[in-house]
Amino acid sequence: MRRKFLGLSQEALANSLGLTFQQVQKYERGSNRISASKLYQTARTLQAPISYFFEGVDAEVHAETSVGEASVHSFLATGEGIELAASFPRIESSRHRRRVLDLVKTLADE
């Protein structure tokens, strides 16, 4: 999600880490483990603390994530989710924000 938020492609991230984009894909899908040194390098490249990659781990250990919370996280991991999350707060009018929300609910119900 952080890579997408910064607008980096998998290829750009891979190049900065000295990897192939396929390896970045495997890291992101969780099919390959990442070494501590590569995780550190990735965190520096993505301008995030290493703890960023462990957010929610304790919550998963102690309680299951709600379905709603999981769907929000999945949505925010998409390009559209990031764009919407960045744009929506910039709408100054609470009336307009409400209308956008109503529109989204209506479209979702169709």
PDB file of N, CA and C in Angstrom:
ATOM      1  N   MET A   1       0.832  -1.179   0.000  1.00  0.00           N
ATOM      2  CA  MET A   1       0.000   0.000   0.000  1.00  0.00           C
ATOM      3  C   MET A   1       0.889   1.259   0.000  1.00  0.00           C
ATOM      4  N   ARG A   2       1.954   1.252   0.750  1.00  0.00           N
ATOM      5  CA  ARG A   2       2.830   2.416   0.824  1.00  0.00           C
ATOM      6  C   ARG A   2       3.433   2.724  -0.548  1.00  0.00           C
ATOM      7  N   ARG A   3       3.836   1.693  -1.274  1.00  0.00           N
ATOM      8  CA  ARG A   3       4.423   1.896  -2.602  1.00  0.00           C
ATOM      9  C   ARG A   3       3.414   2.577  -3.519  1.00  0.00           C
ATOM     10  N   LYS A   4       2.168   2.094  -3.485  1.00  0.00           N
ATOM     11  CA  LYS A   4       1.125   2.678  -4.322  1.00  0.00           C
ATOM     12  C   LYS A   4       0.827   4.106  -3.910  1.00  0.00           C
ATOM     13  N   PHE A   5       0.809   4.355  -2.609  1.00  0.00           N
ATOM     14  CA  PHE A   5       0.539   5.701  -2.106  1.00  0.00           C
ATOM     15  C   PHE A   5       1.579   6.690  -2.624  1.00  0.00           C
ATOM     16  N   LEU A   6       2.831   6.246  -2.717  1.00  0.00           N
ATOM     17  CA  LEU A   6       3.903   7.113  -3.210  1.00  0.00           C
ATOM     18  C   LEU A   6       3.943   7.190  -4.734  1.00  0.00           C
ATOM     19  N   GLY A   7       3.103   6.383  -5.390  1.00  0.00           N
ATOM     20  CA  GLY A   7       3.062   6.405  -6.851  1.00  0.00           C
ATOM     21  C   GLY A   7       4.212   5.669  -7.504  1.00  0.00           C
ATOM     22  N   LEU A   8       4.835   4.745  -6.776  1.00  0.00           N
ATOM     23  CA  LEU A   8       5.945   3.970  -7.327  1.00  0.00           C
ATOM     24  C   LEU A   8       5.429   2.695  -7.980  1.00  0.00           C
ATOM     25  N   SER A   9       5.974   2.362  -9.113  1.00  0.00           N
ATOM     26  CA  SER A   9       5.653   1.080  -9.731  1.00  0.00           C
ATOM     27  C   SER A   9       6.481  -0.003  -9.047  1.00  0.00           C
ATOM     28  N   GLN A  10       6.092  -1.243  -9.244  1.00  0.00           N
ATOM     29  CA  GLN A  10       6.893  -2.346  -8.709  1.00  0.00           C
ATOM     30  C   GLN A  10       8.281  -2.334  -9.337  1.00  0.00           C
ATOM     31  N   GLU A  11       8.338  -1.972 -10.591  1.00  0.00           N
ATOM     32  CA  GLU A  11       9.628  -1.929 -11.284  1.00  0.00           C
ATOM     33  C   GLU A  11      10.537  -0.846 -10.704  1.00  0.00           C
ATOM     34  N   ALA A  12       9.978   0.331 -10.412  1.00  0.00           N
ATOM     35  CA  ALA A  12      10.782   1.413  -9.838  1.00  0.00           C
ATOM     36  C   ALA A  12      11.304   1.026  -8.458  1.00  0.00           C
ATOM     37  N   LEU A  13      10.448   0.411  -7.652  1.00  0.00           N
ATOM     38  CA  LEU A  13      10.888  -0.039  -6.332  1.00  0.00           C
ATOM     39  C   LEU A  13      11.963  -1.102  -6.475  1.00  0.00           C
ATOM     40  N   ALA A  14      11.739  -2.045  -7.376  1.00  0.00           N
ATOM     41  CA  ALA A  14      12.716  -3.117  -7.597  1.00  0.00           C
ATOM     42  C   ALA A  14      14.069  -2.548  -7.997  1.00  0.00           C
ATOM     43  N   ASN A  15      14.069  -1.584  -8.914  1.00  0.00           N
ATOM     44  CA  ASN A  15      15.332  -0.978  -9.357  1.00  0.00           C
ATOM     45  C   ASN A  15      16.072  -0.322  -8.204  1.00  0.00           C
ATOM     46  N   SER A  16      15.339   0.364  -7.332  1.00  0.00           N
ATOM     47  CA  SER A  16      15.998   1.042  -6.214  1.00  0.00           C
ATOM     48  C   SER A  16      16.531   0.054  -5.183  1.00  0.00           C
ATOM     49  N   LEU A  17      15.974  -1.159  -5.167  1.00  0.00           N
ATOM     50  CA  LEU A  17      16.416  -2.179  -4.218  1.00  0.00           C
ATOM     51  C   LEU A  17      17.384  -3.187  -4.827  1.00  0.00           C
ATOM     52  N   GLY A  18      17.636  -3.055  -6.129  1.00  0.00           N
ATOM     53  CA  GLY A  18      18.519  -3.998  -6.805  1.00  0.00           C
ATOM     54  C   GLY A  18      17.875  -5.365  -6.986  1.00  0.00           C
ATOM     55  N   LEU A  19      16.559  -5.372  -7.213  1.00  0.00           N
ATOM     56  CA  LEU A  19      15.802  -6.612  -7.380  1.00  0.00           C
ATOM     57  C   LEU A  19      15.086  -6.607  -8.721  1.00  0.00           C
ATOM     58  N   THR A  20      14.465  -7.728  -9.041  1.00  0.00           N
ATOM     59  CA  THR A  20      13.576  -7.763 -10.194  1.00  0.00           C
ATOM     60  C   THR A  20      12.175  -7.381  -9.714  1.00  0.00           C
ATOM     61  N   PHE A  21      11.339  -6.897 -10.633  1.00  0.00           N
ATOM     62  CA  PHE A  21       9.981  -6.545 -10.224  1.00  0.00           C
ATOM     63  C   PHE A  21       9.210  -7.794  -9.816  1.00  0.00           C
ATOM     64  N   GLN A  22       9.606  -8.961 -10.351  1.00  0.00           N
ATOM     65  CA  GLN A  22       8.944 -10.206  -9.965  1.00  0.00           C
ATOM     66  C   GLN A  22       9.189 -10.505  -8.486  1.00  0.00           C
ATOM     67  N   GLN A  23      10.397 -10.183  -8.010  1.00  0.00           N
ATOM     68  CA  GLN A  23      10.704 -10.410  -6.602  1.00  0.00           C
ATOM     69  C   GLN A  23       9.876  -9.481  -5.724  1.00  0.00           C
ATOM     70  N   VAL A  24       9.704  -8.233  -6.145  1.00  0.00           N
ATOM     71  CA  VAL A  24       8.861  -7.300  -5.402  1.00  0.00           C
ATOM     72  C   VAL A  24       7.428  -7.830  -5.368  1.00  0.00           C
ATOM     73  N   GLN A  25       6.941  -8.354  -6.489  1.00  0.00           N
ATOM     74  CA  GLN A  25       5.597  -8.947  -6.525  1.00  0.00           C
ATOM     75  C   GLN A  25       5.474 -10.064  -5.498  1.00  0.00           C
ATOM     76  N   LYS A  26       6.478 -10.913  -5.418  1.00  0.00           N
ATOM     77  CA  LYS A  26       6.444 -12.034  -4.479  1.00  0.00           C
ATOM     78  C   LYS A  26       6.458 -11.542  -3.035  1.00  0.00           C
ATOM     79  N   TYR A  27       7.242 -10.510  -2.755  1.00  0.00           N
ATOM     80  CA  TYR A  27       7.238  -9.923  -1.407  1.00  0.00           C
ATOM     81  C   TYR A  27       5.856  -9.372  -1.077  1.00  0.00           C
ATOM     82  N   GLU A  28       5.263  -8.638  -2.014  1.00  0.00           N
ATOM     83  CA  GLU A  28       3.971  -8.010  -1.759  1.00  0.00           C
ATOM     84  C   GLU A  28       2.859  -9.038  -1.582  1.00  0.00           C
ATOM     85  N   ARG A  29       2.918 -10.127  -2.301  1.00  0.00           N
ATOM     86  CA  ARG A  29       1.905 -11.183  -2.166  1.00  0.00           C
ATOM     87  C   ARG A  29       2.142 -12.038  -0.938  1.00  0.00           C
ATOM     88  N   GLY A  30       3.371 -11.970  -0.406  1.00  0.00           N
ATOM     89  CA  GLY A  30       3.708 -12.791   0.758  1.00  0.00           C
ATOM     90  C   GLY A  30       4.142 -14.192   0.387  1.00  0.00           C
ATOM     91  N   SER A  31       4.438 -14.422  -0.891  1.00  0.00           N
ATOM     92  CA  SER A  31       4.863 -15.762  -1.294  1.00  0.00           C
ATOM     93  C   SER A  31       6.358 -15.984  -1.036  1.00  0.00           C
ATOM     94  N   ASN A  32       7.125 -14.910  -0.888  1.00  0.00           N
ATOM     95  CA  ASN A  32       8.536 -15.004  -0.505  1.00  0.00           C
ATOM     96  C   ASN A  32       8.764 -14.183   0.750  1.00  0.00           C
ATOM     97  N   ARG A  33       9.648 -14.680   1.591  1.00  0.00           N
ATOM     98  CA  ARG A  33      10.016 -13.933   2.786  1.00  0.00           C
ATOM     99  C   ARG A  33      11.059 -12.893   2.420  1.00  0.00           C
ATOM    100  N   ILE A  34      11.068 -11.817   3.199  1.00  0.00           N
ATOM    101  CA  ILE A  34      12.020 -10.740   2.957  1.00  0.00           C
ATOM    102  C   ILE A  34      13.023 -10.715   4.112  1.00  0.00           C
ATOM    103  N   SER A  35      14.282 -10.562   3.794  1.00  0.00           N
ATOM    104  CA  SER A  35      15.308 -10.520   4.840  1.00  0.00           C
ATOM    105  C   SER A  35      15.211  -9.207   5.602  1.00  0.00           C
ATOM    106  N   ALA A  36      15.766  -9.186   6.779  1.00  0.00           N
ATOM    107  CA  ALA A  36      15.739  -7.979   7.610  1.00  0.00           C
ATOM    108  C   ALA A  36      16.459  -6.830   6.907  1.00  0.00           C
ATOM    109  N   SER A  37      17.575  -7.114   6.265  1.00  0.00           N
ATOM    110  CA  SER A  37      18.317  -6.041   5.591  1.00  0.00           C
ATOM    111  C   SER A  37      17.536  -5.488   4.401  1.00  0.00           C
ATOM    112  N   LYS A  38      16.836  -6.358   3.665  1.00  0.00           N
ATOM    113  CA  LYS A  38      16.050  -5.906   2.519  1.00  0.00           C
ATOM    114  C   LYS A  38      14.802  -5.156   3.002  1.00  0.00           C
ATOM    115  N   LEU A  39      14.239  -5.573   4.128  1.00  0.00           N
ATOM    116  CA  LEU A  39      13.103  -4.862   4.703  1.00  0.00           C
ATOM    117  C   LEU A  39      13.532  -3.462   5.136  1.00  0.00           C
ATOM    118  N   TYR A  40      14.701  -3.353   5.732  1.00  0.00           N
ATOM    119  CA  TYR A  40      15.236  -2.050   6.145  1.00  0.00           C
ATOM    120  C   TYR A  40      15.434  -1.150   4.928  1.00  0.00           C
ATOM    121  N   GLN A  41      16.028  -1.704   3.884  1.00  0.00           N
ATOM    122  CA  GLN A  41      16.257  -0.949   2.652  1.00  0.00           C
ATOM    123  C   GLN A  41      14.924  -0.521   2.022  1.00  0.00           C
ATOM    124  N   THR A  42      13.947  -1.409   2.047  1.00  0.00           N
ATOM    125  CA  THR A  42      12.618  -1.099   1.506  1.00  0.00           C
ATOM    126  C   THR A  42      11.964   0.017   2.303  1.00  0.00           C
ATOM    127  N   ALA A  43      12.059  -0.056   3.619  1.00  0.00           N
ATOM    128  CA  ALA A  43      11.477   0.979   4.475  1.00  0.00           C
ATOM    129  C   ALA A  43      12.108   2.334   4.176  1.00  0.00           C
ATOM    130  N   ARG A  44      13.413   2.364   4.018  1.00  0.00           N
ATOM    131  CA  ARG A  44      14.094   3.633   3.700  1.00  0.00           C
ATOM    132  C   ARG A  44      13.645   4.162   2.339  1.00  0.00           C
ATOM    133  N   THR A  45      13.537   3.280   1.359  1.00  0.00           N
ATOM    134  CA  THR A  45      13.118   3.681   0.020  1.00  0.00           C
ATOM    135  C   THR A  45      11.691   4.230   0.036  1.00  0.00           C
ATOM    136  N   LEU A  46      10.826   3.593   0.838  1.00  0.00           N
ATOM    137  CA  LEU A  46       9.424   4.014   0.907  1.00  0.00           C
ATOM    138  C   LEU A  46       9.191   5.087   1.981  1.00  0.00           C
ATOM    139  N   GLN A  47      10.272   5.562   2.582  1.00  0.00           N
ATOM    140  CA  GLN A  47      10.195   6.634   3.578  1.00  0.00           C
ATOM    141  C   GLN A  47       9.205   6.296   4.688  1.00  0.00           C
ATOM    142  N   ALA A  48       9.344   5.080   5.218  1.00  0.00           N
ATOM    143  CA  ALA A  48       8.449   4.612   6.275  1.00  0.00           C
ATOM    144  C   ALA A  48       9.287   3.913   7.343  1.00  0.00           C
ATOM    145  N   PRO A  49       8.840   3.955   8.594  1.00  0.00           N
ATOM    146  CA  PRO A  49       9.539   3.187   9.629  1.00  0.00           C
ATOM    147  C   PRO A  49       9.294   1.688   9.411  1.00  0.00           C
ATOM    148  N   ILE A  50      10.204   0.870   9.847  1.00  0.00           N
ATOM    149  CA  ILE A  50      10.028  -0.575   9.693  1.00  0.00           C
ATOM    150  C   ILE A  50       8.740  -1.027  10.364  1.00  0.00           C
ATOM    151  N   SER A  51       8.363  -0.383  11.449  1.00  0.00           N
ATOM    152  CA  SER A  51       7.138  -0.761  12.155  1.00  0.00           C
ATOM    153  C   SER A  51       5.906  -0.643  11.259  1.00  0.00           C
ATOM    154  N   TYR A  52       5.986   0.173  10.208  1.00  0.00           N
ATOM    155  CA  TYR A  52       4.870   0.321   9.266  1.00  0.00           C
ATOM    156  C   TYR A  52       4.442  -1.041   8.709  1.00  0.00           C
ATOM    157  N   PHE A  53       5.418  -1.907   8.468  1.00  0.00           N
ATOM    158  CA  PHE A  53       5.132  -3.206   7.862  1.00  0.00           C
ATOM    159  C   PHE A  53       4.573  -4.222   8.849  1.00  0.00           C
ATOM    160  N   PHE A  54       4.506  -3.838  10.120  1.00  0.00           N
ATOM    161  CA  PHE A  54       4.003  -4.737  11.151  1.00  0.00           C
ATOM    162  C   PHE A  54       2.735  -4.214  11.813  1.00  0.00           C
ATOM    163  N   GLU A  55       2.179  -3.115  11.270  1.00  0.00           N
ATOM    164  CA  GLU A  55       0.958  -2.557  11.837  1.00  0.00           C
ATOM    165  C   GLU A  55      -0.144  -3.596  11.799  1.00  0.00           C
ATOM    166  N   GLY A  56      -0.829  -3.759  12.904  1.00  0.00           N
ATOM    167  CA  GLY A  56      -1.942  -4.687  12.987  1.00  0.00           C
ATOM    168  C   GLY A  56      -1.565  -6.106  13.334  1.00  0.00           C
ATOM    169  N   VAL A  57      -0.267  -6.409  13.422  1.00  0.00           N
ATOM    170  CA  VAL A  57       0.146  -7.780  13.739  1.00  0.00           C
ATOM    171  C   VAL A  57      -0.369  -8.176  15.117  1.00  0.00           C
ATOM    172  N   ASP A  58      -0.220  -7.307  16.115  1.00  0.00           N
ATOM    173  CA  ASP A  58      -0.714  -7.611  17.458  1.00  0.00           C
ATOM    174  C   ASP A  58      -2.216  -7.814  17.452  1.00  0.00           C
ATOM    175  N   ALA A  59      -2.918  -7.003  16.691  1.00  0.00           N
ATOM    176  CA  ALA A  59      -4.374  -7.125  16.624  1.00  0.00           C
ATOM    177  C   ALA A  59      -4.774  -8.477  16.044  1.00  0.00           C
ATOM    178  N   GLU A  60      -4.019  -8.965  15.062  1.00  0.00           N
ATOM    179  CA  GLU A  60      -4.331 -10.265  14.469  1.00  0.00           C
ATOM    180  C   GLU A  60      -4.070 -11.389  15.455  1.00  0.00           C
ATOM    181  N   VAL A  61      -3.056 -11.218  16.269  1.00  0.00           N
ATOM    182  CA  VAL A  61      -2.721 -12.235  17.249  1.00  0.00           C
ATOM    183  C   VAL A  61      -3.778 -12.288  18.350  1.00  0.00           C
ATOM    184  N   HIS A  62      -4.272 -11.115  18.774  1.00  0.00           N
ATOM    185  CA  HIS A  62      -5.178 -11.044  19.910  1.00  0.00           C
ATOM    186  C   HIS A  62      -6.656 -11.090  19.547  1.00  0.00           C
ATOM    187  N   ALA A  63      -6.994 -10.719  18.336  1.00  0.00           N
ATOM    188  CA  ALA A  63      -8.402 -10.734  17.925  1.00  0.00           C
ATOM    189  C   ALA A  63      -8.486 -10.745  16.411  1.00  0.00           C
ATOM    190  N   GLU A  64      -9.521 -11.368  15.897  1.00  0.00           N
ATOM    191  CA  GLU A  64      -9.712 -11.385  14.452  1.00  0.00           C
ATOM    192  C   GLU A  64     -10.149 -10.011  13.977  1.00  0.00           C
ATOM    193  N   THR A  65      -9.677  -9.633  12.808  1.00  0.00           N
ATOM    194  CA  THR A  65     -10.085  -8.372  12.215  1.00  0.00           C
ATOM    195  C   THR A  65     -11.514  -8.521  11.711  1.00  0.00           C
ATOM    196  N   SER A  66     -12.321  -7.504  11.944  1.00  0.00           N
ATOM    197  CA  SER A  66     -13.703  -7.570  11.474  1.00  0.00           C
ATOM    198  C   SER A  66     -13.736  -7.585   9.953  1.00  0.00           C
ATOM    199  N   VAL A  67     -14.794  -8.119   9.401  1.00  0.00           N
ATOM    200  CA  VAL A  67     -14.951  -8.186   7.950  1.00  0.00           C
ATOM    201  C   VAL A  67     -14.927  -6.783   7.357  1.00  0.00           C
ATOM    202  N   GLY A  68     -15.633  -5.848   8.005  1.00  0.00           N
ATOM    203  CA  GLY A  68     -15.663  -4.471   7.516  1.00  0.00           C
ATOM    204  C   GLY A  68     -14.287  -3.843   7.510  1.00  0.00           C
ATOM    205  N   GLU A  69     -13.536  -4.069   8.555  1.00  0.00           N
ATOM    206  CA  GLU A  69     -12.185  -3.508   8.651  1.00  0.00           C
ATOM    207  C   GLU A  69     -11.284  -4.108   7.576  1.00  0.00           C
ATOM    208  N   ALA A  70     -11.403  -5.394   7.363  1.00  0.00           N
ATOM    209  CA  ALA A  70     -10.589  -6.054   6.340  1.00  0.00           C
ATOM    210  C   ALA A  70     -10.934  -5.534   4.951  1.00  0.00           C
ATOM    211  N   SER A  71     -12.222  -5.294   4.683  1.00  0.00           N
ATOM    212  CA  SER A  71     -12.601  -4.800   3.358  1.00  0.00           C
ATOM    213  C   SER A  71     -12.116  -3.367   3.159  1.00  0.00           C
ATOM    214  N   VAL A  72     -12.136  -2.566   4.213  1.00  0.00           N
ATOM    215  CA  VAL A  72     -11.612  -1.194   4.114  1.00  0.00           C
ATOM    216  C   VAL A  72     -10.124  -1.241   3.816  1.00  0.00           C
ATOM    217  N   HIS A  73      -9.392  -2.092   4.513  1.00  0.00           N
ATOM    218  CA  HIS A  73      -7.949  -2.204   4.281  1.00  0.00           C
ATOM    219  C   HIS A  73      -7.671  -2.657   2.856  1.00  0.00           C
ATOM    220  N   SER A  74      -8.435  -3.637   2.369  1.00  0.00           N
ATOM    221  CA  SER A  74      -8.250  -4.117   0.997  1.00  0.00           C
ATOM    222  C   SER A  74      -8.526  -3.015  -0.013  1.00  0.00           C
ATOM    223  N   PHE A  75      -9.590  -2.241   0.233  1.00  0.00           N
ATOM    224  CA  PHE A  75      -9.927  -1.143  -0.667  1.00  0.00           C
ATOM    225  C   PHE A  75      -8.830  -0.087  -0.676  1.00  0.00           C
ATOM    226  N   LEU A  76      -8.328   0.251   0.511  1.00  0.00           N
ATOM    227  CA  LEU A  76      -7.297   1.286   0.591  1.00  0.00           C
ATOM    228  C   LEU A  76      -5.966   0.836  -0.004  1.00  0.00           C
ATOM    229  N   ALA A  77      -5.824  -0.441  -0.239  1.00  0.00           N
ATOM    230  CA  ALA A  77      -4.610  -0.944  -0.882  1.00  0.00           C
ATOM    231  C   ALA A  77      -4.665  -0.824  -2.397  1.00  0.00           C
ATOM    232  N   THR A  78      -5.810  -0.390  -2.941  1.00  0.00           N
ATOM    233  CA  THR A  78      -5.940  -0.226  -4.388  1.00  0.00           C
ATOM    234  C   THR A  78      -5.595   1.207  -4.785  1.00  0.00           C
ATOM    235  N   GLY A  79      -5.289   1.400  -6.035  1.00  0.00           N
ATOM    236  CA  GLY A  79      -5.021   2.741  -6.539  1.00  0.00           C
ATOM    237  C   GLY A  79      -6.211   3.668  -6.373  1.00  0.00           C
ATOM    238  N   GLU A  80      -7.412   3.125  -6.657  1.00  0.00           N
ATOM    239  CA  GLU A  80      -8.620   3.944  -6.523  1.00  0.00           C
ATOM    240  C   GLU A  80      -8.870   4.322  -5.067  1.00  0.00           C
ATOM    241  N   GLY A  81      -8.609   3.387  -4.173  1.00  0.00           N
ATOM    242  CA  GLY A  81      -8.808   3.647  -2.750  1.00  0.00           C
ATOM    243  C   GLY A  81      -7.882   4.737  -2.241  1.00  0.00           C
ATOM    244  N   ILE A  82      -6.634   4.673  -2.654  1.00  0.00           N
ATOM    245  CA  ILE A  82      -5.660   5.689  -2.248  1.00  0.00           C
ATOM    246  C   ILE A  82      -6.070   7.046  -2.804  1.00  0.00           C
ATOM    247  N   GLU A  83      -6.466   7.075  -4.077  1.00  0.00           N
ATOM    248  CA  GLU A  83      -6.859   8.331  -4.709  1.00  0.00           C
ATOM    249  C   GLU A  83      -8.098   8.927  -4.035  1.00  0.00           C
ATOM    250  N   LEU A  84      -9.082   8.075  -3.750  1.00  0.00           N
ATOM    251  CA  LEU A  84     -10.302   8.546  -3.089  1.00  0.00           C
ATOM    252  C   LEU A  84      -9.998   9.027  -1.673  1.00  0.00           C
ATOM    253  N   ALA A  85      -9.199   8.264  -0.947  1.00  0.00           N
ATOM    254  CA  ALA A  85      -8.857   8.651   0.425  1.00  0.00           C
ATOM    255  C   ALA A  85      -8.074   9.959   0.464  1.00  0.00           C
ATOM    256  N   ALA A  86      -7.276  10.222  -0.540  1.00  0.00           N
ATOM    257  CA  ALA A  86      -6.521  11.473  -0.590  1.00  0.00           C
ATOM    258  C   ALA A  86      -7.391  12.649  -1.032  1.00  0.00           C
ATOM    259  N   SER A  87      -8.340  12.390  -1.906  1.00  0.00           N
ATOM    260  CA  SER A  87      -9.163  13.468  -2.462  1.00  0.00           C
ATOM    261  C   SER A  87     -10.345  13.857  -1.582  1.00  0.00           C
ATOM    262  N   PHE A  88     -10.983  12.887  -0.968  1.00  0.00           N
ATOM    263  CA  PHE A  88     -12.215  13.143  -0.223  1.00  0.00           C
ATOM    264  C   PHE A  88     -12.048  14.209   0.873  1.00  0.00           C
ATOM    265  N   PRO A  89     -11.003  14.164   1.686  1.00  0.00           N
ATOM    266  CA  PRO A  89     -10.864  15.180   2.736  1.00  0.00           C
ATOM    267  C   PRO A  89     -10.649  16.601   2.203  1.00  0.00           C
ATOM    268  N   ARG A  90     -10.260  16.704   0.943  1.00  0.00           N
ATOM    269  CA  ARG A  90     -10.046  18.037   0.359  1.00  0.00           C
ATOM    270  C   ARG A  90     -11.352  18.710  -0.040  1.00  0.00           C
ATOM    271  N   ILE A  91     -12.458  17.973  -0.006  1.00  0.00           N
ATOM    272  CA  ILE A  91     -13.770  18.569  -0.285  1.00  0.00           C
ATOM    273  C   ILE A  91     -14.154  19.359   0.959  1.00  0.00           C
ATOM    274  N   GLU A  92     -14.173  20.659   0.850  1.00  0.00           N
ATOM    275  CA  GLU A  92     -14.385  21.510   2.012  1.00  0.00           C
ATOM    276  C   GLU A  92     -15.828  21.513   2.508  1.00  0.00           C
ATOM    277  N   SER A  93     -16.774  21.427   1.613  1.00  0.00           N
ATOM    278  CA  SER A  93     -18.183  21.498   1.977  1.00  0.00           C
ATOM    279  C   SER A  93     -18.665  20.170   2.561  1.00  0.00           C
ATOM    280  N   SER A  94     -19.172  20.213   3.791  1.00  0.00           N
ATOM    281  CA  SER A  94     -19.704  18.980   4.401  1.00  0.00           C
ATOM    282  C   SER A  94     -20.919  18.484   3.616  1.00  0.00           C
ATOM    283  N   ARG A  95     -21.660  19.411   3.023  1.00  0.00           N
ATOM    284  CA  ARG A  95     -22.813  19.039   2.202  1.00  0.00           C
ATOM    285  C   ARG A  95     -22.364  18.262   0.968  1.00  0.00           C
ATOM    286  N   HIS A  96     -21.295  18.726   0.341  1.00  0.00           N
ATOM    287  CA  HIS A  96     -20.772  18.022  -0.838  1.00  0.00           C
ATOM    288  C   HIS A  96     -20.201  16.660  -0.458  1.00  0.00           C
ATOM    289  N   ARG A  97     -19.497  16.590   0.677  1.00  0.00           N
ATOM    290  CA  ARG A  97     -18.975  15.293   1.128  1.00  0.00           C
ATOM    291  C   ARG A  97     -20.120  14.311   1.349  1.00  0.00           C
ATOM    292  N   ARG A  98     -21.203  14.769   1.958  1.00  0.00           N
ATOM    293  CA  ARG A  98     -22.368  13.932   2.199  1.00  0.00           C
ATOM    294  C   ARG A  98     -22.966  13.459   0.882  1.00  0.00           C
ATOM    295  N   ARG A  99     -23.030  14.352  -0.115  1.00  0.00           N
ATOM    296  CA  ARG A  99     -23.600  13.995  -1.419  1.00  0.00           C
ATOM    297  C   ARG A  99     -22.727  12.954  -2.130  1.00  0.00           C
ATOM    298  N   VAL A 100     -21.410  13.100  -2.006  1.00  0.00           N
ATOM    299  CA  VAL A 100     -20.504  12.108  -2.597  1.00  0.00           C
ATOM    300  C   VAL A 100     -20.730  10.761  -1.919  1.00  0.00           C
ATOM    301  N   LEU A 101     -20.838  10.753  -0.604  1.00  0.00           N
ATOM    302  CA  LEU A 101     -21.084   9.515   0.123  1.00  0.00           C
ATOM    303  C   LEU A 101     -22.407   8.885  -0.294  1.00  0.00           C
ATOM    304  N   ASP A 102     -23.446   9.693  -0.408  1.00  0.00           N
ATOM    305  CA  ASP A 102     -24.746   9.183  -0.847  1.00  0.00           C
ATOM    306  C   ASP A 102     -24.661   8.589  -2.255  1.00  0.00           C
ATOM    307  N   LEU A 103     -23.908   9.259  -3.140  1.00  0.00           N
ATOM    308  CA  LEU A 103     -23.734   8.756  -4.503  1.00  0.00           C
ATOM    309  C   LEU A 103     -23.039   7.389  -4.489  1.00  0.00           C
ATOM    310  N   VAL A 104     -21.985   7.268  -3.707  1.00  0.00           N
ATOM    311  CA  VAL A 104     -21.255   6.004  -3.634  1.00  0.00           C
ATOM    312  C   VAL A 104     -22.159   4.888  -3.099  1.00  0.00           C
ATOM    313  N   LYS A 105     -22.936   5.187  -2.074  1.00  0.00           N
ATOM    314  CA  LYS A 105     -23.865   4.183  -1.524  1.00  0.00           C
ATOM    315  C   LYS A 105     -24.896   3.762  -2.568  1.00  0.00           C
ATOM    316  N   THR A 106     -25.415   4.730  -3.304  1.00  0.00           N
ATOM    317  CA  THR A 106     -26.402   4.421  -4.343  1.00  0.00           C
ATOM    318  C   THR A 106     -25.806   3.536  -5.419  1.00  0.00           C
ATOM    319  N   LEU A 107     -24.614   3.883  -5.873  1.00  0.00           N
ATOM    320  CA  LEU A 107     -23.941   3.065  -6.902  1.00  0.00           C
ATOM    321  C   LEU A 107     -23.631   1.669  -6.388  1.00  0.00           C
ATOM    322  N   ALA A 108     -23.287   1.564  -5.133  1.00  0.00           N
ATOM    323  CA  ALA A 108     -22.956   0.254  -4.558  1.00  0.00           C
ATOM    324  C   ALA A 108     -24.178  -0.637  -4.463  1.00  0.00           C
ATOM    325  N   ASP A 109     -25.347  -0.033  -4.279  1.00  0.00           N
ATOM    326  CA  ASP A 109     -26.588  -0.803  -4.147  1.00  0.00           C
ATOM    327  C   ASP A 109     -27.163  -1.254  -5.490  1.00  0.00           C
ATOM    328  N   GLU A 110     -26.661  -0.683  -6.583  1.00  0.00           N
ATOM    329  CA  GLU A 110     -27.189  -1.052  -7.912  1.00  0.00           C
ATOM    330  C   GLU A 110     -26.746  -2.430  -8.325  1.00  0.00           C
TER     331      GLU A 110
END
